[in-house]
C-alpha atoms as a PDB file:
ATOM      1  CA  GLN A   1       0.045   0.216  -0.200  1.00  0.00           C
ATOM      2  CA  TYR A   2       2.766   2.532   0.517  1.00  0.00           C
ATOM      3  CA  VAL A   3       4.366   2.000  -2.667  1.00  0.00           C
ATOM      4  CA  GLU A   4       1.014   2.779  -4.443  1.00  0.00           C
ATOM      5  CA  GLN A   5       0.652   5.858  -2.332  1.00  0.00           C
ATOM      6  CA  LYS A   6       4.328   7.001  -2.678  1.00  0.00           C
ATOM      7  CA  GLU A   7       2.907   6.571  -6.754  1.00  0.00           C
ATOM      8  CA  ALA A   8      -0.215   8.315  -6.535  1.00  0.00           C
ATOM      9  CA  GLU A   9       1.546  11.648  -4.588  1.00  0.00           C
ATOM     10  CA  VAL A  10       4.158  11.596  -6.894  1.00  0.00           C
ATOM     11  CA  ARG A  11       2.148  11.305 -10.141  1.00  0.00           C
ATOM     12  CA  LYS A  12      -0.144  14.043  -8.650  1.00  0.00           C
ATOM     13  CA  ALA A  13       2.870  16.194  -8.053  1.00  0.00           C
ATOM     14  CA  CYS A  14       4.125  15.851 -11.516  1.00  0.00           C
ATOM     15  CA  GLY A  15       0.406  16.664 -12.640  1.00  0.00           C
ATOM     16  CA  TYR A  16       1.022  20.658 -11.313  1.00  0.00           C
ATOM     17  CA  PHE A  17       4.089  21.205 -13.523  1.00  0.00           C
ATOM     18  CA  GLY A  18       2.316  19.129 -16.320  1.00  0.00           C
ATOM     19  CA  ILE A  19       4.478  16.035 -16.244  1.00  0.00           C
ATOM     20  CA  THR A  20       2.335  12.840 -17.210  1.00  0.00           C
ATOM     21  CA  ASP A  21       5.340  10.640 -18.634  1.00  0.00           C
ATOM     22  CA  LEU A  22       6.752   9.166 -15.929  1.00  0.00           C
ATOM     23  CA  VAL A  23       8.418   5.514 -15.331  1.00  0.00           C
ATOM     24  CA  VAL A  24       8.196   4.610 -11.618  1.00  0.00           C
ATOM     25  CA  PHE A  25       9.889   1.587 -10.676  1.00  0.00           C
ATOM     26  CA  ASP A  26       7.968  -1.259  -8.957  1.00  0.00           C
ATOM     27  CA  ASN A  27      10.131  -1.250  -5.750  1.00  0.00           C
ATOM     28  CA  ASP A  28       8.883  -1.514  -2.180  1.00  0.00           C
ATOM     29  CA  ALA A  29      12.147  -1.667  -0.115  1.00  0.00           C
ATOM     30  CA  HIS A  30      11.301   1.193   2.230  1.00  0.00           C
ATOM     31  CA  PRO A  31      14.216   2.414   2.791  1.00  0.00           C
ATOM     32  CA  LEU A  32      15.233   2.460  -0.875  1.00  0.00           C
ATOM     33  CA  ARG A  33      17.965   0.188  -1.502  1.00  0.00           C
ATOM     34  CA  ARG A  34      19.988  -0.229  -4.169  1.00  0.00           C
ATOM     35  CA  SER A  35      19.999  -3.711  -6.800  1.00  0.00           C
ATOM     36  CA  GLN A  36      21.491  -4.157 -10.412  1.00  0.00           C
ATOM     37  CA  GLU A  37      17.830  -4.501 -11.783  1.00  0.00           C
ATOM     38  CA  MET A  38      17.007  -0.640 -10.412  1.00  0.00           C
ATOM     39  CA  VAL A  39      20.702   0.097 -12.019  1.00  0.00           C
ATOM     40  CA  GLU A  40      19.992  -1.272 -15.194  1.00  0.00           C
ATOM     41  CA  GLY A  41      16.580  -0.645 -15.809  1.00  0.00           C
ATOM     42  CA  LEU A  42      17.263   3.032 -15.232  1.00  0.00           C
ATOM     43  CA  ALA A  43      20.274   2.952 -17.623  1.00  0.00           C
ATOM     44  CA  ASN A  44      17.965   1.324 -20.493  1.00  0.00           C
ATOM     45  CA  LEU A  45      15.613   4.192 -19.550  1.00  0.00           C
ATOM     46  CA  ILE A  46      18.634   6.470 -20.399  1.00  0.00           C
ATOM     47  CA  SER A  47      19.265   4.760 -23.432  1.00  0.00           C
ATOM     48  CA  GLU A  48      15.709   4.557 -24.618  1.00  0.00           C
ATOM     49  CA  TYR A  49      15.049   8.092 -23.893  1.00  0.00           C
ATOM     50  CA  ARG A  50      18.594   9.634 -24.701  1.00  0.00           C
ATOM     51  CA  PRO A  51      18.081  13.032 -22.381  1.00  0.00           C
ATOM     52  CA  ASN A  52      19.954  15.790 -23.213  1.00  0.00           C
ATOM     53  CA  ILE A  53      19.567  16.928 -19.791  1.00  0.00           C
ATOM     54  CA  LEU A  54      19.331  15.124 -16.723  1.00  0.00           C
ATOM     55  CA  ILE A  55      18.579  16.428 -13.135  1.00  0.00           C
ATOM     56  CA  GLY A  56      19.045  14.450 -10.383  1.00  0.00           C
ATOM     57  CA  GLU A  57      20.554  14.960  -6.460  1.00  0.00           C
ATOM     58  CA  LEU A  58      23.633  15.727  -5.696  1.00  0.00           C
ATOM     59  CA  PRO A  59      25.773  12.123  -5.110  1.00  0.00           C
ATOM     60  CA  GLU A  60      28.818  13.239  -3.708  1.00  0.00           C
ATOM     61  CA  LEU A  61      28.390  15.838  -1.272  1.00  0.00           C
ATOM     62  CA  LEU A  62      24.913  14.169   0.236  1.00  0.00           C
ATOM     63  CA  ARG A  63      26.414  12.415   3.133  1.00  0.00           C
ATOM     64  CA  GLU A  64      28.482  14.988   4.420  1.00  0.00           C
ATOM     65  CA  ASP A  65      25.457  17.286   4.774  1.00  0.00           C
ATOM     66  CA  ARG A  66      23.014  14.429   6.620  1.00  0.00           C
ATOM     67  CA  LEU A  67      23.095  14.724  10.501  1.00  0.00           C
ATOM     68  CA  TRP A  68      23.107  10.867  10.355  1.00  0.00           C
ATOM     69  CA  THR A  69      25.420   8.199   8.439  1.00  0.00           C
ATOM     70  CA  THR A  70      23.276   5.904   6.959  1.00  0.00           C
ATOM     71  CA  PRO A  71      21.827   6.553   3.776  1.00  0.00           C
ATOM     72  CA  ASP A  72      18.933   7.925   2.709  1.00  0.00           C
ATOM     73  CA  ASP A  73      16.625   7.931  -0.118  1.00  0.00           C
ATOM     74  CA  HIS A  74      17.571  10.737  -1.932  1.00  0.00           C
ATOM     75  CA  THR A  75      21.455   9.477  -1.251  1.00  0.00           C
ATOM     76  CA  THR A  76      20.763   6.072  -2.273  1.00  0.00           C
ATOM     77  CA  CYS A  77      18.659   7.542  -5.657  1.00  0.00           C
ATOM     78  CA  ALA A  78      22.003   9.514  -6.700  1.00  0.00           C
ATOM     79  CA  GLU A  79      24.202   6.610  -6.602  1.00  0.00           C
ATOM     80  CA  ILE A  80      21.541   4.629  -8.925  1.00  0.00           C
ATOM     81  CA  THR A  81      21.985   7.580 -10.859  1.00  0.00           C
ATOM     82  CA  LYS A  82      25.176   7.979 -11.147  1.00  0.00           C
ATOM     83  CA  GLU A  83      26.446   4.531 -11.820  1.00  0.00           C
ATOM     84  CA  ALA A  84      22.809   3.960 -14.625  1.00  0.00           C
ATOM     85  CA  CYS A  85      24.723   7.006 -16.338  1.00  0.00           C
ATOM     86  CA  LEU A  86      28.278   5.513 -16.549  1.00  0.00           C
ATOM     87  CA  MET A  87      26.581   2.029 -17.709  1.00  0.00           C
ATOM     88  CA  ALA A  88      24.449   3.712 -20.532  1.00  0.00           C
ATOM     89  CA  GLY A  89      27.182   5.241 -22.008  1.00  0.00           C
ATOM     90  CA  HIS A  90      29.379   2.114 -22.190  1.00  0.00           C
ATOM     91  CA  PRO A  91      27.830  -0.668 -24.555  1.00  0.00           C
ATOM     92  CA  ARG A  92      27.982  -4.190 -23.420  1.00  0.00           C
ATOM     93  CA  ARG A  93      28.213  -7.353 -25.929  1.00  0.00           C
ATOM     94  CA  GLU A  94      25.089  -8.736 -24.329  1.00  0.00           C
ATOM     95  CA  ASP A  95      23.200  -5.412 -24.797  1.00  0.00           C
ATOM     96  CA  ASP A  96      21.141  -4.449 -27.360  1.00  0.00           C
ATOM     97  CA  ARG A  97      20.866  -0.817 -25.410  1.00  0.00           C
ATOM     98  CA  ARG A  98      22.219   1.587 -27.470  1.00  0.00           C
ATOM     99  CA  PRO A  99      24.959   3.936 -25.859  1.00  0.00           C
ATOM    100  CA  HIS A 100      23.938   7.479 -24.784  1.00  0.00           C
ATOM    101  CA  THR A 101      25.475  10.300 -22.518  1.00  0.00           C
ATOM    102  CA  ALA A 102      23.307  13.292 -21.885  1.00  0.00           C
ATOM    103  CA  THR A 103      24.752  16.369 -22.632  1.00  0.00           C
ATOM    104  CA  ARG A 104      24.176  17.993 -19.326  1.00  0.00           C
ATOM    105  CA  ILE A 105      23.956  16.689 -15.958  1.00  0.00           C
ATOM    106  CA  TYR A 106      22.592  18.995 -13.209  1.00  0.00           C
ATOM    107  CA  TYR A 107      22.520  18.130  -9.489  1.00  0.00           C
ATOM    108  CA  LEU A 108      20.125  19.380  -7.395  1.00  0.00           C
ATOM    109  CA  ALA A 109      21.947  21.079  -4.721  1.00  0.00           C
ATOM    110  CA  THR A 110      19.742  23.566  -1.997  1.00  0.00           C
ATOM    111  CA  GLU A 111      21.347  22.084   1.031  1.00  0.00           C
ATOM    112  CA  ARG A 112      24.841  23.104  -0.024  1.00  0.00           C
ATOM    113  CA  SER A 113      26.502  26.501   0.727  1.00  0.00           C
ATOM    114  CA  TYR A 114      25.662  29.400  -1.909  1.00  0.00           C
ATOM    115  CA  ASP A 115      29.166  29.313  -2.982  1.00  0.00           C
ATOM    116  CA  ASN A 116      29.053  25.706  -4.250  1.00  0.00           C
ATOM    117  CA  ILE A 117      26.373  26.568  -6.294  1.00  0.00           C
ATOM    118  CA  ASP A 118      26.826  27.281  -9.912  1.00  0.00           C
ATOM    119  CA  LEU A 119      23.011  27.639 -11.203  1.00  0.00           C
ATOM    120  CA  TYR A 120      20.013  29.122 -10.097  1.00  0.00           C
ATOM    121  CA  VAL A 121      16.821  29.043 -11.657  1.00  0.00           C
ATOM    122  CA  ASP A 122      14.222  31.314 -11.398  1.00  0.00           C
ATOM    123  CA  VAL A 123      11.089  29.496 -10.204  1.00  0.00           C
ATOM    124  CA  SER A 124       9.010  32.339  -9.114  1.00  0.00           C
ATOM    125  CA  ASP A 125       6.262  31.397 -11.879  1.00  0.00           C
ATOM    126  CA  HIS A 126       5.509  28.036 -10.077  1.00  0.00           C
ATOM    127  CA  PHE A 127       5.867  29.416  -7.120  1.00  0.00           C
ATOM    128  CA  GLU A 128       2.094  27.997  -5.844  1.00  0.00           C
ATOM    129  CA  ASN A 129       1.997  25.168  -7.787  1.00  0.00           C
ATOM    130  CA  LEU A 130       5.512  24.084  -5.934  1.00  0.00           C
ATOM    131  CA  ILE A 131       3.480  24.564  -2.291  1.00  0.00           C
ATOM    132  CA  LYS A 132       0.824  22.598  -3.875  1.00  0.00           C
ATOM    133  CA  ALA A 133       2.862  19.245  -5.244  1.00  0.00           C
ATOM    134  CA  GLU A 134       5.274  19.610  -2.082  1.00  0.00           C
ATOM    135  CA  ALA A 135       2.002  19.359   0.337  1.00  0.00           C
ATOM    136  CA  CYS A 136       0.746  16.101  -2.022  1.00  0.00           C
ATOM    137  CA  PHE A 137       3.415  13.815   0.051  1.00  0.00           C
ATOM    138  CA  GLN A 138       1.028  12.717   3.006  1.00  0.00           C
ATOM    139  CA  SER A 139       3.476   9.746   3.082  1.00  0.00           C
ATOM    140  CA  GLN A 140       5.663  12.092   4.462  1.00  0.00           C
ATOM    141  CA  ALA A 141       3.613  13.687   6.952  1.00  0.00           C
ATOM    142  CA  GLN A 142       3.298  16.415   4.540  1.00  0.00           C
ATOM    143  CA  SER A 143       0.127  19.455   5.018  1.00  0.00           C
ATOM    144  CA  ARG A 144      -0.193  22.499   3.051  1.00  0.00           C
ATOM    145  CA  GLU A 145       1.031  24.918   6.168  1.00  0.00           C
ATOM    146  CA  PHE A 146       3.985  22.890   6.096  1.00  0.00           C
ATOM    147  CA  ALA A 147       4.273  22.831   2.173  1.00  0.00           C
ATOM    148  CA  GLU A 148       3.779  26.372   2.361  1.00  0.00           C
ATOM    149  CA  ALA A 149       6.796  27.415   5.274  1.00  0.00           C
ATOM    150  CA  ARG A 150       9.561  24.991   3.250  1.00  0.00           C
ATOM    151  CA  VAL A 151       8.927  26.034   0.083  1.00  0.00           C
ATOM    152  CA  THR A 152       8.866  29.787   1.153  1.00  0.00           C
ATOM    153  CA  ARG A 153      11.574  29.118   3.430  1.00  0.00           C
ATOM    154  CA  THR A 154      13.998  27.134   0.602  1.00  0.00           C
ATOM    155  CA  THR A 155      12.667  28.923  -2.702  1.00  0.00           C
ATOM    156  CA  GLY A 156      12.425  31.969  -1.262  1.00  0.00           C
ATOM    157  CA  ASN A 157      16.130  32.433   0.974  1.00  0.00           C
ATOM    158  CA  THR A 158      17.430  30.963  -2.757  1.00  0.00           C
ATOM    159  CA  GLY A 159      15.673  33.558  -4.989  1.00  0.00           C
ATOM    160  CA  TRP A 160      16.719  36.047  -2.530  1.00  0.00           C
ATOM    161  CA  ARG A 161      20.094  35.499  -3.036  1.00  0.00           C
ATOM    162  CA  SER A 162      20.121  35.047  -6.727  1.00  0.00           C
ATOM    163  CA  GLN A 163      17.320  38.476  -7.017  1.00  0.00           C
ATOM    164  CA  VAL A 164      13.987  36.609  -7.894  1.00  0.00           C
ATOM    165  CA  MET A 165      11.451  36.053  -6.214  1.00  0.00           C
ATOM    166  CA  ALA A 166      12.006  32.548  -6.063  1.00  0.00           C
ATOM    167  CA  ALA A 167      14.613  29.823  -7.112  1.00  0.00           C
ATOM    168  CA  ALA A 168      15.727  26.532  -7.116  1.00  0.00           C
END
């Protein structure tokens, strides 16, 4: 039931931004655990969709930002993505996968110090949808009030630093 709830939450959140073409891996591990099947599945998607741009969590620096030492889902997902990108770019004899390497890979680094961030994206026009999307995650005890406070603090602070209303 948890997996179905999380997928519904993700689909609803993405819908606020017009994103409907989603692939959700069937994985009920909580916390998320890396598997070869997940890495290869993501590598196959990269090869099939051939994206020019990938956006993901920052793999190397996540652990030093966390208060706990065990990997969380974001860290694990970053590591899976990093490995899948490497695998997608290198053909293997036993695969019919066409190699592909994204032209650009951008990493979310909202918890990094501001002198370590290379690019800010103005999300001011999407501010209300960011709050609605954040509030979708009731499996993580989100509420409208919490979502509004979190989005205002994070994108508002980053926006102030980049001289727009809201930035990510």
